[in-house]
């Protein structure tokens, strides 16, 4: 029987504080076999009453997301504090069907210095 690959999260995404309105969240992961890791970023609103939602370019008013299927989620156009406390996580899979892994979901967005 095939042994499933195992994904290991090497670096959990860190909080991102931006005064310019642009920044990134970065996830680092490795896989123990030859599969290719796939990345999908999700976000949860500050009050955490909503479920995790897949990030798309125009998901939220007041911010633009990019590279949300890569290891580095980028954002720009953040113009104020309305998204303060939003949390981000990365969903990790592989091309060979490893068990899905999630980063810890603690990476928080803050506008300001």
PDB file of N, CA and C in Angstrom:
ATOM      1  N   UNK A   1       0.836  -1.198   0.000  1.00  0.00           N
ATOM      2  CA  UNK A   1       0.000   0.000   0.000  1.00  0.00           C
ATOM      3  C   UNK A   1       0.872   1.251   0.000  1.00  0.00           C
ATOM      4  N   UNK A   2       0.391   2.260  -0.656  1.00  0.00           N
ATOM      5  CA  UNK A   2       1.117   3.535  -0.675  1.00  0.00           C
ATOM      6  C   UNK A   2       1.036   4.193   0.689  1.00  0.00           C
ATOM      7  N   UNK A   3       2.137   4.760   1.110  1.00  0.00           N
ATOM      8  CA  UNK A   3       2.151   5.542   2.339  1.00  0.00           C
ATOM      9  C   UNK A   3       1.874   6.991   1.963  1.00  0.00           C
ATOM     10  N   UNK A   4       0.915   7.593   2.629  1.00  0.00           N
ATOM     11  CA  UNK A   4       0.585   8.979   2.329  1.00  0.00           C
ATOM     12  C   UNK A   4       1.745   9.893   2.678  1.00  0.00           C
ATOM     13  N   UNK A   5       1.919  10.895   1.850  1.00  0.00           N
ATOM     14  CA  UNK A   5       2.901  11.924   2.164  1.00  0.00           C
ATOM     15  C   UNK A   5       2.495  12.647   3.438  1.00  0.00           C
ATOM     16  N   UNK A   6       3.476  13.254   4.081  1.00  0.00           N
ATOM     17  CA  UNK A   6       3.219  14.058   5.265  1.00  0.00           C
ATOM     18  C   UNK A   6       3.724  15.468   5.008  1.00  0.00           C
ATOM     19  N   UNK A   7       2.845  16.440   5.198  1.00  0.00           N
ATOM     20  CA  UNK A   7       3.234  17.842   5.084  1.00  0.00           C
ATOM     21  C   UNK A   7       3.647  18.332   6.471  1.00  0.00           C
ATOM     22  N   UNK A   8       4.760  19.030   6.533  1.00  0.00           N
ATOM     23  CA  UNK A   8       5.211  19.631   7.781  1.00  0.00           C
ATOM     24  C   UNK A   8       5.222  21.144   7.612  1.00  0.00           C
ATOM     25  N   UNK A   9       4.523  21.846   8.506  1.00  0.00           N
ATOM     26  CA  UNK A   9       4.553  23.304   8.488  1.00  0.00           C
ATOM     27  C   UNK A   9       5.853  23.745   9.141  1.00  0.00           C
ATOM     28  N   UNK A  10       6.711  24.404   8.363  1.00  0.00           N
ATOM     29  CA  UNK A  10       7.998  24.824   8.886  1.00  0.00           C
ATOM     30  C   UNK A  10       7.932  26.166   9.588  1.00  0.00           C
ATOM     31  N   UNK A  11       7.141  27.070   9.031  1.00  0.00           N
ATOM     32  CA  UNK A  11       6.994  28.402   9.607  1.00  0.00           C
ATOM     33  C   UNK A  11       5.534  28.797   9.587  1.00  0.00           C
ATOM     34  N   UNK A  12       4.994  29.136  10.747  1.00  0.00           N
ATOM     35  CA  UNK A  12       3.627  29.634  10.805  1.00  0.00           C
ATOM     36  C   UNK A  12       3.609  31.086  10.330  1.00  0.00           C
ATOM     37  N   UNK A  13       2.576  31.495   9.615  1.00  0.00           N
ATOM     38  CA  UNK A  13       2.482  32.899   9.214  1.00  0.00           C
ATOM     39  C   UNK A  13       2.494  33.818  10.438  1.00  0.00           C
ATOM     40  N   UNK A  14       3.193  34.928  10.310  1.00  0.00           N
ATOM     41  CA  UNK A  14       3.298  35.896  11.397  1.00  0.00           C
ATOM     42  C   UNK A  14       2.299  37.026  11.189  1.00  0.00           C
ATOM     43  N   UNK A  15       2.046  37.774  12.254  1.00  0.00           N
ATOM     44  CA  UNK A  15       1.198  38.957  12.152  1.00  0.00           C
ATOM     45  C   UNK A  15       1.794  39.928  11.138  1.00  0.00           C
ATOM     46  N   UNK A  16       0.934  40.701  10.492  1.00  0.00           N
ATOM     47  CA  UNK A  16       1.392  41.705   9.543  1.00  0.00           C
ATOM     48  C   UNK A  16       0.790  43.056   9.909  1.00  0.00           C
ATOM     49  N   UNK A  17       1.674  44.027  10.178  1.00  0.00           N
ATOM     50  CA  UNK A  17       1.245  45.396  10.464  1.00  0.00           C
ATOM     51  C   UNK A  17       1.752  46.284   9.350  1.00  0.00           C
ATOM     52  N   UNK A  18       0.860  47.085   8.760  1.00  0.00           N
ATOM     53  CA  UNK A  18       1.242  47.912   7.632  1.00  0.00           C
ATOM     54  C   UNK A  18       0.775  49.344   7.826  1.00  0.00           C
ATOM     55  N   UNK A  19       1.690  50.276   7.658  1.00  0.00           N
ATOM     56  CA  UNK A  19       1.306  51.689   7.611  1.00  0.00           C
ATOM     57  C   UNK A  19       1.197  52.166   6.172  1.00  0.00           C
ATOM     58  N   UNK A  20       1.803  51.434   5.245  1.00  0.00           N
ATOM     59  CA  UNK A  20       1.778  51.815   3.828  1.00  0.00           C
ATOM     60  C   UNK A  20       0.542  51.270   3.123  1.00  0.00           C
ATOM     61  N   UNK A  21      -0.117  50.292   3.727  1.00  0.00           N
ATOM     62  CA  UNK A  21      -1.269  49.664   3.094  1.00  0.00           C
ATOM     63  C   UNK A  21      -0.945  48.400   2.342  1.00  0.00           C
ATOM     64  N   UNK A  22       0.340  48.007   2.327  1.00  0.00           N
ATOM     65  CA  UNK A  22       0.744  46.794   1.635  1.00  0.00           C
ATOM     66  C   UNK A  22       1.562  45.909   2.561  1.00  0.00           C
ATOM     67  N   UNK A  23       1.514  44.611   2.322  1.00  0.00           N
ATOM     68  CA  UNK A  23       2.289  43.682   3.130  1.00  0.00           C
ATOM     69  C   UNK A  23       2.075  42.260   2.679  1.00  0.00           C
ATOM     70  N   UNK A  24       2.609  41.308   3.465  1.00  0.00           N
ATOM     71  CA  UNK A  24       2.501  39.899   3.113  1.00  0.00           C
ATOM     72  C   UNK A  24       2.299  39.048   4.360  1.00  0.00           C
ATOM     73  N   UNK A  25       1.756  37.864   4.125  1.00  0.00           N
ATOM     74  CA  UNK A  25       1.767  36.769   5.088  1.00  0.00           C
ATOM     75  C   UNK A  25       2.486  35.611   4.409  1.00  0.00           C
ATOM     76  N   UNK A  26       3.378  34.941   5.126  1.00  0.00           N
ATOM     77  CA  UNK A  26       4.196  33.897   4.524  1.00  0.00           C
ATOM     78  C   UNK A  26       4.040  32.595   5.300  1.00  0.00           C
ATOM     79  N   UNK A  27       3.806  31.514   4.559  1.00  0.00           N
ATOM     80  CA  UNK A  27       3.783  30.173   5.151  1.00  0.00           C
ATOM     81  C   UNK A  27       4.925  29.373   4.552  1.00  0.00           C
ATOM     82  N   UNK A  28       5.596  28.589   5.358  1.00  0.00           N
ATOM     83  CA  UNK A  28       6.640  27.709   4.851  1.00  0.00           C
ATOM     84  C   UNK A  28       6.310  26.284   5.245  1.00  0.00           C
ATOM     85  N   UNK A  29       6.383  25.380   4.273  1.00  0.00           N
ATOM     86  CA  UNK A  29       6.057  23.983   4.535  1.00  0.00           C
ATOM     87  C   UNK A  29       6.938  23.084   3.688  1.00  0.00           C
ATOM     88  N   UNK A  30       7.097  21.861   4.160  1.00  0.00           N
ATOM     89  CA  UNK A  30       7.844  20.865   3.402  1.00  0.00           C
ATOM     90  C   UNK A  30       7.006  19.603   3.325  1.00  0.00           C
ATOM     91  N   UNK A  31       7.356  18.753   2.368  1.00  0.00           N
ATOM     92  CA  UNK A  31       6.668  17.476   2.224  1.00  0.00           C
ATOM     93  C   UNK A  31       7.737  16.386   2.166  1.00  0.00           C
ATOM     94  N   UNK A  32       7.434  15.226   2.739  1.00  0.00           N
ATOM     95  CA  UNK A  32       8.475  14.209   2.892  1.00  0.00           C
ATOM     96  C   UNK A  32       8.664  13.337   1.659  1.00  0.00           C
ATOM     97  N   UNK A  33       7.857  13.560   0.626  1.00  0.00           N
ATOM     98  CA  UNK A  33       8.049  12.799  -0.602  1.00  0.00           C
ATOM     99  C   UNK A  33       8.103  13.761  -1.782  1.00  0.00           C
ATOM    100  N   UNK A  34       7.743  13.287  -2.961  1.00  0.00           N
ATOM    101  CA  UNK A  34       8.007  14.066  -4.177  1.00  0.00           C
ATOM    102  C   UNK A  34       6.828  14.912  -4.630  1.00  0.00           C
ATOM    103  N   UNK A  35       5.759  14.897  -3.884  1.00  0.00           N
ATOM    104  CA  UNK A  35       4.594  15.671  -4.296  1.00  0.00           C
ATOM    105  C   UNK A  35       4.860  17.162  -4.248  1.00  0.00           C
ATOM    106  N   UNK A  36       4.055  17.896  -4.976  1.00  0.00           N
ATOM    107  CA  UNK A  36       4.152  19.353  -5.002  1.00  0.00           C
ATOM    108  C   UNK A  36       3.130  19.930  -4.029  1.00  0.00           C
ATOM    109  N   UNK A  37       3.579  20.826  -3.171  1.00  0.00           N
ATOM    110  CA  UNK A  37       2.666  21.432  -2.205  1.00  0.00           C
ATOM    111  C   UNK A  37       1.806  22.478  -2.896  1.00  0.00           C
ATOM    112  N   UNK A  38       0.522  22.471  -2.565  1.00  0.00           N
ATOM    113  CA  UNK A  38      -0.380  23.515  -3.035  1.00  0.00           C
ATOM    114  C   UNK A  38      -0.796  24.361  -1.842  1.00  0.00           C
ATOM    115  N   UNK A  39      -0.997  25.636  -2.113  1.00  0.00           N
ATOM    116  CA  UNK A  39      -1.303  26.615  -1.070  1.00  0.00           C
ATOM    117  C   UNK A  39      -2.627  27.280  -1.386  1.00  0.00           C
ATOM    118  N   UNK A  40      -3.440  27.476  -0.368  1.00  0.00           N
ATOM    119  CA  UNK A  40      -4.675  28.238  -0.523  1.00  0.00           C
ATOM    120  C   UNK A  40      -4.900  29.033   0.756  1.00  0.00           C
ATOM    121  N   UNK A  41      -4.941  30.346   0.616  1.00  0.00           N
ATOM    122  CA  UNK A  41      -5.104  31.203   1.787  1.00  0.00           C
ATOM    123  C   UNK A  41      -6.569  31.419   2.106  1.00  0.00           C
ATOM    124  N   UNK A  42      -6.863  31.506   3.392  1.00  0.00           N
ATOM    125  CA  UNK A  42      -8.204  31.787   3.878  1.00  0.00           C
ATOM    126  C   UNK A  42      -8.137  32.882   4.927  1.00  0.00           C
ATOM    127  N   UNK A  43      -9.267  33.554   5.131  1.00  0.00           N
ATOM    128  CA  UNK A  43      -9.299  34.572   6.171  1.00  0.00           C
ATOM    129  C   UNK A  43     -10.591  34.458   6.971  1.00  0.00           C
ATOM    130  N   UNK A  44     -10.495  34.968   8.182  1.00  0.00           N
ATOM    131  CA  UNK A  44     -11.622  34.987   9.116  1.00  0.00           C
ATOM    132  C   UNK A  44     -11.726  36.420   9.639  1.00  0.00           C
ATOM    133  N   UNK A  45     -12.951  36.913   9.793  1.00  0.00           N
ATOM    134  CA  UNK A  45     -13.108  38.289  10.269  1.00  0.00           C
ATOM    135  C   UNK A  45     -12.719  38.393  11.738  1.00  0.00           C
ATOM    136  N   UNK A  46     -12.592  39.622  12.202  1.00  0.00           N
ATOM    137  CA  UNK A  46     -12.026  39.879  13.525  1.00  0.00           C
ATOM    138  C   UNK A  46     -12.845  39.272  14.650  1.00  0.00           C
ATOM    139  N   UNK A  47     -14.166  39.300  14.511  1.00  0.00           N
ATOM    140  CA  UNK A  47     -14.989  38.784  15.614  1.00  0.00           C
ATOM    141  C   UNK A  47     -15.100  37.268  15.589  1.00  0.00           C
ATOM    142  N   UNK A  48     -14.549  36.666  14.545  1.00  0.00           N
ATOM    143  CA  UNK A  48     -14.453  35.202  14.424  1.00  0.00           C
ATOM    144  C   UNK A  48     -15.804  34.513  14.458  1.00  0.00           C
ATOM    145  N   UNK A  49     -16.878  35.252  14.154  1.00  0.00           N
ATOM    146  CA  UNK A  49     -18.183  34.604  14.088  1.00  0.00           C
ATOM    147  C   UNK A  49     -18.419  34.013  12.706  1.00  0.00           C
ATOM    148  N   UNK A  50     -17.568  34.358  11.751  1.00  0.00           N
ATOM    149  CA  UNK A  50     -17.703  33.797  10.412  1.00  0.00           C
ATOM    150  C   UNK A  50     -16.731  32.650  10.250  1.00  0.00           C
ATOM    151  N   UNK A  51     -17.067  31.761   9.327  1.00  0.00           N
ATOM    152  CA  UNK A  51     -16.166  30.657   9.023  1.00  0.00           C
ATOM    153  C   UNK A  51     -14.982  31.181   8.221  1.00  0.00           C
ATOM    154  N   UNK A  52     -13.984  30.328   8.054  1.00  0.00           N
ATOM    155  CA  UNK A  52     -12.845  30.665   7.206  1.00  0.00           C
ATOM    156  C   UNK A  52     -13.322  30.715   5.761  1.00  0.00           C
ATOM    157  N   UNK A  53     -12.923  31.745   5.036  1.00  0.00           N
ATOM    158  CA  UNK A  53     -13.344  31.959   3.654  1.00  0.00           C
ATOM    159  C   UNK A  53     -12.103  32.001   2.766  1.00  0.00           C
ATOM    160  N   UNK A  54     -12.176  31.352   1.606  1.00  0.00           N
ATOM    161  CA  UNK A  54     -11.057  31.388   0.667  1.00  0.00           C
ATOM    162  C   UNK A  54     -10.819  32.820   0.204  1.00  0.00           C
ATOM    163  N   UNK A  55      -9.563  33.219   0.203  1.00  0.00           N
ATOM    164  CA  UNK A  55      -9.203  34.568  -0.226  1.00  0.00           C
ATOM    165  C   UNK A  55      -9.269  34.653  -1.755  1.00  0.00           C
ATOM    166  N   UNK A  56      -9.879  35.737  -2.243  1.00  0.00           N
ATOM    167  CA  UNK A  56      -9.851  36.082  -3.663  1.00  0.00           C
ATOM    168  C   UNK A  56      -9.442  37.549  -3.754  1.00  0.00           C
ATOM    169  N   UNK A  57      -9.170  38.015  -4.959  1.00  0.00           N
ATOM    170  CA  UNK A  57      -8.580  39.351  -5.123  1.00  0.00           C
ATOM    171  C   UNK A  57      -9.420  40.438  -4.456  1.00  0.00           C
ATOM    172  N   UNK A  58     -10.731  40.359  -4.649  1.00  0.00           N
ATOM    173  CA  UNK A  58     -11.608  41.436  -4.168  1.00  0.00           C
ATOM    174  C   UNK A  58     -12.550  40.951  -3.076  1.00  0.00           C
ATOM    175  N   UNK A  59     -12.074  40.005  -2.254  1.00  0.00           N
ATOM    176  CA  UNK A  59     -12.929  39.424  -1.209  1.00  0.00           C
ATOM    177  C   UNK A  59     -13.450  40.482  -0.244  1.00  0.00           C
ATOM    178  N   UNK A  60     -12.586  41.403   0.167  1.00  0.00           N
ATOM    179  CA  UNK A  60     -12.955  42.381   1.194  1.00  0.00           C
ATOM    180  C   UNK A  60     -12.831  43.798   0.663  1.00  0.00           C
ATOM    181  N   UNK A  61     -13.778  44.630   1.023  1.00  0.00           N
ATOM    182  CA  UNK A  61     -13.710  46.051   0.689  1.00  0.00           C
ATOM    183  C   UNK A  61     -12.566  46.694   1.458  1.00  0.00           C
ATOM    184  N   UNK A  62     -11.780  47.529   0.788  1.00  0.00           N
ATOM    185  CA  UNK A  62     -10.717  48.247   1.467  1.00  0.00           C
ATOM    186  C   UNK A  62      -9.375  47.551   1.467  1.00  0.00           C
ATOM    187  N   UNK A  63      -9.264  46.450   0.703  1.00  0.00           N
ATOM    188  CA  UNK A  63      -7.983  45.745   0.587  1.00  0.00           C
ATOM    189  C   UNK A  63      -8.015  44.954  -0.712  1.00  0.00           C
ATOM    190  N   UNK A  64      -6.850  44.790  -1.326  1.00  0.00           N
ATOM    191  CA  UNK A  64      -6.729  43.953  -2.514  1.00  0.00           C
ATOM    192  C   UNK A  64      -5.732  42.846  -2.208  1.00  0.00           C
ATOM    193  N   UNK A  65      -6.124  41.587  -2.491  1.00  0.00           N
ATOM    194  CA  UNK A  65      -5.249  40.448  -2.240  1.00  0.00           C
ATOM    195  C   UNK A  65      -4.629  39.958  -3.544  1.00  0.00           C
ATOM    196  N   UNK A  66      -3.427  39.395  -3.446  1.00  0.00           N
ATOM    197  CA  UNK A  66      -2.764  38.778  -4.598  1.00  0.00           C
ATOM    198  C   UNK A  66      -1.973  37.565  -4.114  1.00  0.00           C
ATOM    199  N   UNK A  67      -1.654  36.684  -5.044  1.00  0.00           N
ATOM    200  CA  UNK A  67      -0.794  35.511  -4.767  1.00  0.00           C
ATOM    201  C   UNK A  67      -1.393  34.601  -3.692  1.00  0.00           C
ATOM    202  N   UNK A  68      -2.716  34.486  -3.693  1.00  0.00           N
ATOM    203  CA  UNK A  68      -3.380  33.727  -2.629  1.00  0.00           C
ATOM    204  C   UNK A  68      -3.369  32.222  -2.865  1.00  0.00           C
ATOM    205  N   UNK A  69      -2.713  31.759  -3.935  1.00  0.00           N
ATOM    206  CA  UNK A  69      -2.475  30.321  -4.108  1.00  0.00           C
ATOM    207  C   UNK A  69      -0.975  30.042  -4.136  1.00  0.00           C
ATOM    208  N   UNK A  70      -0.212  30.881  -3.419  1.00  0.00           N
ATOM    209  CA  UNK A  70       1.232  30.686  -3.283  1.00  0.00           C
ATOM    210  C   UNK A  70       1.576  30.690  -1.795  1.00  0.00           C
ATOM    211  N   UNK A  71       2.859  30.494  -1.495  1.00  0.00           N
ATOM    212  CA  UNK A  71       3.282  30.469  -0.096  1.00  0.00           C
ATOM    213  C   UNK A  71       3.245  31.859   0.535  1.00  0.00           C
ATOM    214  N   UNK A  72       3.160  32.900  -0.296  1.00  0.00           N
ATOM    215  CA  UNK A  72       3.194  34.268   0.216  1.00  0.00           C
ATOM    216  C   UNK A  72       1.951  35.034  -0.238  1.00  0.00           C
ATOM    217  N   UNK A  73       1.038  35.235   0.674  1.00  0.00           N
ATOM    218  CA  UNK A  73      -0.155  36.041   0.400  1.00  0.00           C
ATOM    219  C   UNK A  73       0.236  37.513   0.465  1.00  0.00           C
ATOM    220  N   UNK A  74      -0.058  38.259  -0.589  1.00  0.00           N
ATOM    221  CA  UNK A  74       0.246  39.690  -0.618  1.00  0.00           C
ATOM    222  C   UNK A  74      -1.045  40.485  -0.536  1.00  0.00           C
ATOM    223  N   UNK A  75      -0.952  41.650   0.087  1.00  0.00           N
ATOM    224  CA  UNK A  75      -2.104  42.546   0.090  1.00  0.00           C
ATOM    225  C   UNK A  75      -1.644  43.966  -0.172  1.00  0.00           C
ATOM    226  N   UNK A  76      -2.562  44.772  -0.671  1.00  0.00           N
ATOM    227  CA  UNK A  76      -2.275  46.171  -0.945  1.00  0.00           C
ATOM    228  C   UNK A  76      -3.566  46.963  -0.850  1.00  0.00           C
ATOM    229  N   UNK A  77      -3.428  48.278  -0.856  1.00  0.00           N
ATOM    230  CA  UNK A  77      -4.602  49.129  -0.857  1.00  0.00           C
ATOM    231  C   UNK A  77      -5.302  49.253   0.470  1.00  0.00           C
ATOM    232  N   UNK A  78      -4.679  48.751   1.528  1.00  0.00           N
ATOM    233  CA  UNK A  78      -5.300  48.832   2.849  1.00  0.00           C
ATOM    234  C   UNK A  78      -5.246  50.288   3.308  1.00  0.00           C
ATOM    235  N   UNK A  79      -6.419  50.869   3.588  1.00  0.00           N
ATOM    236  CA  UNK A  79      -6.469  52.317   3.789  1.00  0.00           C
ATOM    237  C   UNK A  79      -6.903  52.729   5.188  1.00  0.00           C
ATOM    238  N   UNK A  80      -7.171  51.766   6.058  1.00  0.00           N
ATOM    239  CA  UNK A  80      -7.638  52.139   7.388  1.00  0.00           C
ATOM    240  C   UNK A  80      -7.741  50.930   8.273  1.00  0.00           C
ATOM    241  N   UNK A  81      -8.384  51.109   9.406  1.00  0.00           N
ATOM    242  CA  UNK A  81      -8.381  50.087  10.454  1.00  0.00           C
ATOM    243  C   UNK A  81      -9.581  49.143  10.400  1.00  0.00           C
ATOM    244  N   UNK A  82     -10.406  49.238   9.356  1.00  0.00           N
ATOM    245  CA  UNK A  82     -11.643  48.439   9.342  1.00  0.00           C
ATOM    246  C   UNK A  82     -11.382  46.942   9.317  1.00  0.00           C
ATOM    247  N   UNK A  83     -10.203  46.524   8.849  1.00  0.00           N
ATOM    248  CA  UNK A  83      -9.890  45.094   8.790  1.00  0.00           C
ATOM    249  C   UNK A  83      -8.966  44.662   9.931  1.00  0.00           C
ATOM    250  N   UNK A  84      -8.709  45.550  10.879  1.00  0.00           N
ATOM    251  CA  UNK A  84      -7.854  45.173  12.007  1.00  0.00           C
ATOM    252  C   UNK A  84      -8.418  43.939  12.697  1.00  0.00           C
ATOM    253  N   UNK A  85      -7.546  42.995  12.995  1.00  0.00           N
ATOM    254  CA  UNK A  85      -7.972  41.787  13.684  1.00  0.00           C
ATOM    255  C   UNK A  85      -8.389  40.655  12.770  1.00  0.00           C
ATOM    256  N   UNK A  86      -8.465  40.911  11.465  1.00  0.00           N
ATOM    257  CA  UNK A  86      -8.726  39.813  10.534  1.00  0.00           C
ATOM    258  C   UNK A  86      -7.578  38.826  10.649  1.00  0.00           C
ATOM    259  N   UNK A  87      -7.908  37.535  10.592  1.00  0.00           N
ATOM    260  CA  UNK A  87      -6.898  36.488  10.735  1.00  0.00           C
ATOM    261  C   UNK A  87      -6.771  35.706   9.436  1.00  0.00           C
ATOM    262  N   UNK A  88      -5.558  35.200   9.199  1.00  0.00           N
ATOM    263  CA  UNK A  88      -5.243  34.525   7.946  1.00  0.00           C
ATOM    264  C   UNK A  88      -4.581  33.182   8.235  1.00  0.00           C
ATOM    265  N   UNK A  89      -4.939  32.199   7.408  1.00  0.00           N
ATOM    266  CA  UNK A  89      -4.284  30.900   7.507  1.00  0.00           C
ATOM    267  C   UNK A  89      -4.079  30.359   6.102  1.00  0.00           C
ATOM    268  N   UNK A  90      -3.199  29.389   5.998  1.00  0.00           N
ATOM    269  CA  UNK A  90      -2.911  28.755   4.718  1.00  0.00           C
ATOM    270  C   UNK A  90      -3.309  27.285   4.803  1.00  0.00           C
ATOM    271  N   UNK A  91      -4.038  26.833   3.781  1.00  0.00           N
ATOM    272  CA  UNK A  91      -4.436  25.436   3.657  1.00  0.00           C
ATOM    273  C   UNK A  91      -3.432  24.759   2.742  1.00  0.00           C
ATOM    274  N   UNK A  92      -2.805  23.696   3.233  1.00  0.00           N
ATOM    275  CA  UNK A  92      -1.724  23.032   2.506  1.00  0.00           C
ATOM    276  C   UNK A  92      -2.163  21.639   2.067  1.00  0.00           C
ATOM    277  N   UNK A  93      -1.985  21.366   0.787  1.00  0.00           N
ATOM    278  CA  UNK A  93      -2.220  20.040   0.239  1.00  0.00           C
ATOM    279  C   UNK A  93      -1.025  19.673  -0.632  1.00  0.00           C
ATOM    280  N   UNK A  94      -1.059  18.456  -1.186  1.00  0.00           N
ATOM    281  CA  UNK A  94      -0.039  18.088  -2.163  1.00  0.00           C
ATOM    282  C   UNK A  94      -0.707  17.445  -3.360  1.00  0.00           C
ATOM    283  N   UNK A  95       0.071  17.361  -4.422  1.00  0.00           N
ATOM    284  CA  UNK A  95      -0.407  16.730  -5.649  1.00  0.00           C
ATOM    285  C   UNK A  95      -0.624  15.233  -5.461  1.00  0.00           C
ATOM    286  N   UNK A  96      -0.079  14.671  -4.391  1.00  0.00           N
ATOM    287  CA  UNK A  96      -0.188  13.224  -4.189  1.00  0.00           C
ATOM    288  C   UNK A  96      -1.123  12.853  -3.043  1.00  0.00           C
ATOM    289  N   UNK A  97      -1.918  13.826  -2.589  1.00  0.00           N
ATOM    290  CA  UNK A  97      -2.980  13.484  -1.658  1.00  0.00           C
ATOM    291  C   UNK A  97      -2.578  13.318  -0.212  1.00  0.00           C
ATOM    292  N   UNK A  98      -1.616  14.088   0.238  1.00  0.00           N
ATOM    293  CA  UNK A  98      -1.282  14.083   1.661  1.00  0.00           C
ATOM    294  C   UNK A  98      -2.482  14.591   2.464  1.00  0.00           C
ATOM    295  N   UNK A  99      -2.503  14.268   3.737  1.00  0.00           N
ATOM    296  CA  UNK A  99      -3.541  14.808   4.606  1.00  0.00           C
ATOM    297  C   UNK A  99      -3.414  16.325   4.658  1.00  0.00           C
ATOM    298  N   UNK A 100      -4.535  17.018   4.491  1.00  0.00           N
ATOM    299  CA  UNK A 100      -4.535  18.476   4.494  1.00  0.00           C
ATOM    300  C   UNK A 100      -4.012  19.007   5.821  1.00  0.00           C
ATOM    301  N   UNK A 101      -3.142  20.011   5.731  1.00  0.00           N
ATOM    302  CA  UNK A 101      -2.640  20.692   6.923  1.00  0.00           C
ATOM    303  C   UNK A 101      -3.068  22.146   6.859  1.00  0.00           C
ATOM    304  N   UNK A 102      -3.248  22.730   8.022  1.00  0.00           N
ATOM    305  CA  UNK A 102      -3.609  24.136   8.123  1.00  0.00           C
ATOM    306  C   UNK A 102      -2.576  24.833   9.004  1.00  0.00           C
ATOM    307  N   UNK A 103      -2.218  26.057   8.641  1.00  0.00           N
ATOM    308  CA  UNK A 103      -1.426  26.835   9.579  1.00  0.00           C
ATOM    309  C   UNK A 103      -2.339  27.240  10.730  1.00  0.00           C
ATOM    310  N   UNK A 104      -1.776  27.783  11.796  1.00  0.00           N
ATOM    311  CA  UNK A 104      -2.532  27.892  13.048  1.00  0.00           C
ATOM    312  C   UNK A 104      -3.608  28.971  13.061  1.00  0.00           C
ATOM    313  N   UNK A 105      -3.662  29.795  12.014  1.00  0.00           N
ATOM    314  CA  UNK A 105      -4.746  30.765  11.936  1.00  0.00           C
ATOM    315  C   UNK A 105      -4.609  31.934  12.865  1.00  0.00           C
ATOM    316  N   UNK A 106      -3.400  32.145  13.398  1.00  0.00           N
ATOM    317  CA  UNK A 106      -3.201  33.222  14.365  1.00  0.00           C
ATOM    318  C   UNK A 106      -2.649  34.496  13.730  1.00  0.00           C
ATOM    319  N   UNK A 107      -2.270  34.447  12.451  1.00  0.00           N
ATOM    320  CA  UNK A 107      -1.661  35.606  11.803  1.00  0.00           C
ATOM    321  C   UNK A 107      -2.705  36.701  11.634  1.00  0.00           C
ATOM    322  N   UNK A 108      -2.436  37.859  12.213  1.00  0.00           N
ATOM    323  CA  UNK A 108      -3.434  38.922  12.322  1.00  0.00           C
ATOM    324  C   UNK A 108      -2.999  40.167  11.569  1.00  0.00           C
ATOM    325  N   UNK A 109      -3.951  40.803  10.913  1.00  0.00           N
ATOM    326  CA  UNK A 109      -3.713  42.022  10.147  1.00  0.00           C
ATOM    327  C   UNK A 109      -3.978  43.249  11.015  1.00  0.00           C
ATOM    328  N   UNK A 110      -3.070  44.226  10.936  1.00  0.00           N
ATOM    329  CA  UNK A 110      -3.255  45.493  11.643  1.00  0.00           C
ATOM    330  C   UNK A 110      -2.815  46.629  10.739  1.00  0.00           C
ATOM    331  N   UNK A 111      -3.600  47.679  10.655  1.00  0.00           N
ATOM    332  CA  UNK A 111      -3.197  48.886   9.934  1.00  0.00           C
ATOM    333  C   UNK A 111      -2.619  49.876  10.923  1.00  0.00           C
ATOM    334  N   UNK A 112      -1.431  50.381  10.629  1.00  0.00           N
ATOM    335  CA  UNK A 112      -0.811  51.357  11.511  1.00  0.00           C
ATOM    336  C   UNK A 112       0.670  51.129  11.608  1.00  0.00           C
ATOM    337  N   UNK A 113       1.321  51.823  12.497  1.00  0.00           N
ATOM    338  CA  UNK A 113       2.780  51.750  12.576  1.00  0.00           C
ATOM    339  C   UNK A 113       3.214  50.630  13.506  1.00  0.00           C
TER     340      UNK A 113
END
